């Protein structure tokens, strides 16, 4: 899950806006084999949706890959959307590809006591930082029978019988074949506010190209949910058809129900 936080905008109003530098403390800053890794702590006094959070930033552009907060479960940001997925998938394990520091896992494990998660992360340093600075060790201890973390290439992820869902995959056709019947993929596509690794192309370009690739692999339906003050600041995609929104709402915690009606089918 990627997002971009800039540290210069003096009047942030949404999760895509910047955080004033005076309200940010740098806790971790080093280069691993795979990533430039930073952990920032945002002051609870900051006028920003991420106030009170710790943020895991990877690579030179500083896109946010995971978060941690101590005082509540839900964040009121796009991270919460991933916790709406379990009620609309077939029974079975959920795979999180690009596990980061485990915040998505934390949300789902706390809200859905029957769900089992398998997470893949290619960089062991990200897992180490998550355990020391972002609460991952506590999550693992609390849910040792339902959370399984693997170090390695997420594209080789598999479990017996197939997954009921993936979160954040990158090679769509191959991963579609790893889903069991009724399985879905939910993925953070980034958007305008995400700075791309290739400086010649912006985050919107990669979002649009990803949508094209997903739609080819999942011709049975594709929905988009966008966030931010500007259109497509950041977007999440969901495969499959959405038919019974009322049943979906009833199966999830009330604070998450607002997201159900925000999905729109991909046009064109």
Protein backbone atom coordinates (compact mmCIF):
# COMPACT_ATOMS: atom_id res chain seq x y z
CA UNK A 1 0.00 0.00 0.00
CA UNK A 2 1.65 3.14 -1.14
CA UNK A 3 0.90 6.80 -0.57
CA UNK A 4 3.00 9.93 -0.75
CA UNK A 5 3.49 12.38 2.11
CA UNK A 6 5.33 15.63 1.37
CA UNK A 7 6.75 17.54 4.29
CA UNK A 8 6.43 21.15 3.13
CA UNK A 9 2.74 22.05 2.76
CA UNK A 10 1.83 24.31 5.72
CA UNK A 11 -1.94 23.66 5.56
CA UNK A 12 -2.59 19.93 5.11
CA UNK A 13 -6.22 18.98 4.67
CA UNK A 14 -6.16 15.36 3.51
CA UNK A 15 -3.94 12.29 3.71
CA UNK A 16 -2.38 13.26 0.37
CA UNK A 17 -1.32 16.69 1.65
CA UNK A 18 1.98 17.42 3.32
CA UNK A 19 2.87 17.29 7.00
CA UNK A 20 4.67 20.37 8.37
CA UNK A 21 8.28 19.37 9.06
CA UNK A 22 8.14 20.74 12.63
CA UNK A 23 5.62 18.03 13.52
CA UNK A 24 7.71 15.11 12.21
CA UNK A 25 10.38 13.14 14.09
CA UNK A 26 12.74 10.80 12.22
CA UNK A 27 13.15 7.50 14.08
CA UNK A 28 14.80 5.27 11.46
CA UNK A 29 16.87 6.09 8.38
CA UNK A 30 19.03 3.50 6.57
CA UNK A 31 19.46 1.56 3.34
CA UNK A 32 18.78 -2.18 3.24
CA UNK A 33 19.51 -4.54 0.37
CA UNK A 34 16.13 -3.75 -1.20
CA UNK A 35 14.98 -0.37 0.11
CA UNK A 36 15.78 3.00 1.59
CA UNK A 37 13.88 2.71 4.88
CA UNK A 38 12.60 5.52 7.06
CA UNK A 39 10.21 5.60 10.00
CA UNK A 40 8.62 8.93 10.88
CA UNK A 41 6.60 9.79 13.97
CA UNK A 42 3.97 12.48 13.41
CA UNK A 43 3.07 14.67 16.37
CA UNK A 44 -0.45 14.37 17.75
CA UNK A 45 -0.56 18.18 17.49
CA UNK A 46 -0.26 18.15 13.69
CA UNK A 47 -3.29 19.24 11.65
CA UNK A 48 -3.23 16.14 9.47
CA UNK A 49 -5.06 12.78 9.25
CA UNK A 50 -1.79 11.03 10.14
CA UNK A 51 -1.31 12.88 13.45
CA UNK A 52 -0.15 10.48 16.15
CA UNK A 53 0.93 7.89 13.57
CA UNK A 54 4.23 6.25 12.86
CA UNK A 55 4.84 5.96 9.11
CA UNK A 56 7.02 3.45 7.26
CA UNK A 57 8.51 5.08 4.15
CA UNK A 58 10.38 3.09 1.53
CA UNK A 59 12.76 4.18 -1.24
CA UNK A 60 13.93 7.62 -2.22
CA UNK A 61 10.52 9.10 -2.94
CA UNK A 62 9.23 8.33 0.54
CA UNK A 63 5.98 6.60 -0.39
CA UNK A 64 4.14 5.33 2.69
CA UNK A 65 3.98 1.54 2.86
CA UNK A 66 2.64 0.99 6.37
CA UNK A 67 1.56 2.85 9.48
CA UNK A 68 1.13 2.33 13.20
CA UNK A 69 -0.98 4.08 15.81
CA UNK A 70 -1.42 3.38 19.49
CA UNK A 71 -4.70 4.94 20.51
CA UNK A 72 -7.31 3.52 18.13
CA UNK A 73 -7.89 0.78 15.57
CA UNK A 74 -9.25 2.63 12.53
CA UNK A 75 -7.39 5.48 10.87
CA UNK A 76 -10.02 7.43 8.88
CA UNK A 77 -7.69 7.07 5.88
CA UNK A 78 -7.59 4.75 2.86
CA UNK A 79 -5.87 2.05 4.97
CA UNK A 80 -9.26 1.26 6.53
CA UNK A 81 -10.74 0.22 3.19
CA UNK A 82 -8.76 -3.03 3.21
CA UNK A 83 -10.65 -4.07 6.33
CA UNK A 84 -13.90 -4.09 4.34
CA UNK A 85 -12.80 -7.05 2.22
CA UNK A 86 -13.41 -10.20 4.36
CA UNK A 87 -17.24 -10.11 4.23
CA UNK A 88 -17.34 -10.36 0.41
CA UNK A 89 -14.88 -13.17 -0.23
CA UNK A 90 -15.18 -16.93 -0.06
CA UNK A 91 -13.94 -18.66 3.13
CA UNK A 92 -10.20 -19.22 3.17
CA UNK A 93 -6.87 -17.51 3.87
CA UNK A 94 -6.08 -14.00 2.72
CA UNK A 95 -2.69 -13.24 1.20
CA UNK A 96 -1.03 -9.86 1.73
CA UNK A 97 1.68 -9.38 -0.88
CA UNK A 98 4.05 -6.64 0.13
CA UNK A 99 3.37 -7.06 3.84
CA UNK A 100 5.24 -3.97 5.04
CA UNK A 101 4.96 -3.52 8.81
CA UNK A 102 1.61 -5.30 9.07
CA UNK A 103 -0.96 -2.58 9.68
CA UNK A 104 -3.45 -4.03 7.20
CA UNK A 105 -3.02 -7.39 8.91
CA UNK A 106 -3.63 -5.78 12.31
CA UNK A 107 -6.91 -4.24 11.17
CA UNK A 108 -8.28 -7.44 9.67
CA UNK A 109 -7.16 -9.69 12.52
CA UNK A 110 -8.76 -7.45 15.15
CA UNK A 111 -12.04 -6.97 13.29
CA UNK A 112 -12.54 -10.50 11.95
CA UNK A 113 -11.54 -13.19 14.47
CA UNK A 114 -12.08 -16.03 11.99
CA UNK A 115 -9.68 -14.77 9.29
CA UNK A 116 -6.24 -16.32 8.68
CA UNK A 117 -3.59 -14.17 6.99
CA UNK A 118 -0.41 -15.07 5.09
CA UNK A 119 1.93 -12.16 4.38
CA UNK A 120 4.92 -11.97 2.02
CA UNK A 121 7.65 -9.35 2.27
CA UNK A 122 10.81 -9.47 0.18
CA UNK A 123 12.88 -7.30 2.54
CA UNK A 124 13.66 -8.80 5.96
CA UNK A 125 14.77 -5.36 7.17
CA UNK A 126 11.22 -4.07 6.68
CA UNK A 127 9.92 -6.84 8.94
CA UNK A 128 12.63 -6.11 11.52
CA UNK A 129 11.77 -2.40 11.56
CA UNK A 130 8.08 -3.24 11.78
CA UNK A 131 8.68 -5.40 14.82
CA UNK A 132 10.81 -2.81 16.62
CA UNK A 133 9.07 0.45 15.75
CA UNK A 134 5.58 -0.24 14.39
CA UNK A 135 4.06 -2.83 16.70
CA UNK A 136 4.44 -5.92 14.50
CA UNK A 137 5.89 -8.05 17.32
CA UNK A 138 2.76 -7.46 19.38
CA UNK A 139 0.52 -8.37 16.45
CA UNK A 140 2.42 -11.62 15.92
CA UNK A 141 2.18 -12.58 19.58
CA UNK A 142 -1.54 -11.81 19.80
CA UNK A 143 -2.40 -13.72 16.62
CA UNK A 144 0.26 -16.41 16.36
CA UNK A 145 -2.28 -18.97 15.14
CA UNK A 146 -3.74 -16.70 12.43
CA UNK A 147 -0.81 -14.67 11.06
CA UNK A 148 2.03 -16.21 9.06
CA UNK A 149 4.83 -14.07 7.62
CA UNK A 150 7.22 -15.20 4.89
CA UNK A 151 10.39 -13.54 3.63
CA UNK A 152 10.61 -13.89 -0.13
CA UNK A 153 9.16 -13.07 -3.53
CA UNK A 154 5.45 -12.43 -3.22
CA UNK A 155 4.85 -13.63 -6.78
CA UNK A 156 5.64 -17.16 -5.62
CA UNK A 157 3.02 -17.03 -2.87
CA UNK A 158 0.74 -20.05 -2.59
CA UNK A 159 -1.28 -22.05 -0.06
CA UNK A 160 -3.07 -25.37 -0.32
CA UNK A 161 -6.47 -24.93 -1.96
CA UNK A 162 -5.78 -21.38 -3.12
CA UNK A 163 -6.34 -17.98 -1.53
CA UNK A 164 -9.74 -16.37 -1.06
CA UNK A 165 -8.15 -12.97 -1.61
CA UNK A 166 -4.96 -11.05 -2.26
CA UNK A 167 -4.13 -7.53 -1.09
CA UNK A 168 -1.68 -5.53 -3.23
CA UNK A 169 -0.53 -7.91 -5.97
CA UNK A 170 1.46 -6.82 -9.02
CA UNK A 171 1.24 -9.56 -11.66
CA UNK A 172 -2.46 -9.97 -12.20
CA UNK A 173 -2.96 -12.98 -14.44
CA UNK A 174 -0.62 -15.20 -12.45
CA UNK A 175 -2.23 -14.19 -9.18
CA UNK A 176 -5.75 -14.62 -10.54
CA UNK A 177 -4.90 -18.28 -11.04
CA UNK A 178 -3.86 -18.52 -7.38
CA UNK A 179 -7.31 -17.50 -6.15
CA UNK A 180 -9.93 -20.04 -5.18
CA UNK A 181 -13.44 -19.84 -6.59
CA UNK A 182 -15.10 -16.62 -5.44
CA UNK A 183 -11.75 -15.03 -4.58
CA UNK A 184 -10.97 -11.36 -5.14
CA UNK A 185 -8.06 -8.96 -5.31
CA UNK A 186 -8.02 -5.57 -3.59
CA UNK A 187 -5.02 -3.39 -4.41
CA UNK A 188 -3.78 0.10 -3.67
CA UNK A 189 -2.99 1.68 -7.04
CA UNK A 190 -1.58 4.96 -5.77
CA UNK A 191 -2.49 7.98 -7.88
CA UNK A 192 -1.61 11.62 -8.39
CA UNK A 193 -0.20 12.07 -4.89
CA UNK A 194 2.12 9.05 -5.23
CA UNK A 195 5.52 9.84 -6.69
CA UNK A 196 6.57 7.12 -9.13
CA UNK A 197 9.96 5.40 -9.03
CA UNK A 198 10.44 6.38 -12.69
CA UNK A 199 10.74 10.17 -12.67
CA UNK A 200 9.70 10.32 -16.33
CA UNK A 201 6.21 9.07 -15.47
CA UNK A 202 3.89 10.20 -12.68
CA UNK A 203 1.78 8.19 -10.25
CA UNK A 204 -1.36 8.73 -12.32
CA UNK A 205 0.27 7.06 -15.33
CA UNK A 206 1.14 3.93 -13.35
CA UNK A 207 -2.32 3.84 -11.80
CA UNK A 208 -3.96 3.92 -15.22
CA UNK A 209 -1.60 1.30 -16.64
CA UNK A 210 -2.28 -0.97 -13.66
CA UNK A 211 -6.02 -0.63 -14.19
CA UNK A 212 -5.64 -1.70 -17.81
CA UNK A 213 -3.67 -4.79 -16.79
CA UNK A 214 -6.08 -5.76 -14.02
CA UNK A 215 -9.13 -5.35 -16.24
CA UNK A 216 -7.65 -7.75 -18.79
CA UNK A 217 -7.07 -10.42 -16.15
CA UNK A 218 -10.41 -9.85 -14.36
CA UNK A 219 -13.04 -9.36 -17.02
CA UNK A 220 -15.85 -10.29 -14.59
CA UNK A 221 -15.78 -6.89 -12.89
CA UNK A 222 -13.52 -4.15 -11.58
CA UNK A 223 -14.39 -1.32 -9.17
CA UNK A 224 -12.49 1.80 -8.12
CA UNK A 225 -12.56 3.83 -4.90
CA UNK A 226 -10.73 7.19 -4.94
CA UNK A 227 -9.49 9.37 -2.07
CA UNK A 228 -8.25 12.92 -1.63
CA UNK A 229 -9.27 16.50 -2.28
CA UNK A 230 -8.30 16.12 -5.93
CA UNK A 231 -9.77 13.41 -8.13
CA UNK A 232 -7.65 10.26 -8.02
CA UNK A 233 -5.21 11.50 -5.36
CA UNK A 234 -5.05 7.84 -4.38
CA UNK A 235 -7.15 4.92 -5.60
CA UNK A 236 -7.95 1.35 -4.61
CA UNK A 237 -9.22 -1.32 -7.01
CA UNK A 238 -11.43 -4.32 -6.24
CA UNK A 239 -12.12 -7.23 -8.59
CA UNK A 240 -15.41 -9.10 -8.98
CA UNK A 241 -19.04 -8.03 -8.97
CA UNK A 242 -20.69 -6.03 -6.16
CA UNK A 243 -24.35 -6.94 -5.85
CA UNK A 244 -25.71 -6.90 -2.29
CA UNK A 245 -24.36 -3.75 -0.67
CA UNK A 246 -26.74 -4.00 2.29
CA UNK A 247 -25.46 -7.46 3.23
CA UNK A 248 -21.88 -6.23 2.88
CA UNK A 249 -22.54 -3.33 5.23
CA UNK A 250 -24.18 -5.52 7.85
CA UNK A 251 -21.18 -7.86 7.93
CA UNK A 252 -18.64 -5.17 8.85
CA UNK A 253 -18.16 -2.67 11.72
CA UNK A 254 -20.29 0.47 11.40
CA UNK A 255 -17.38 2.91 10.92
CA UNK A 256 -16.40 1.06 7.74
CA UNK A 257 -19.84 0.99 6.09
CA UNK A 258 -19.41 4.41 4.48
CA UNK A 259 -16.94 2.91 2.02
CA UNK A 260 -19.40 0.42 0.50
CA UNK A 261 -21.29 2.99 -1.58
CA UNK A 262 -18.11 4.78 -2.64
CA UNK A 263 -17.04 2.15 -5.17
CA UNK A 264 -17.65 2.91 -8.84
CA UNK A 265 -17.35 0.43 -11.73
CA UNK A 266 -14.45 0.92 -14.10
CA UNK A 267 -15.76 2.51 -17.29
CA UNK A 268 -14.31 1.88 -20.70
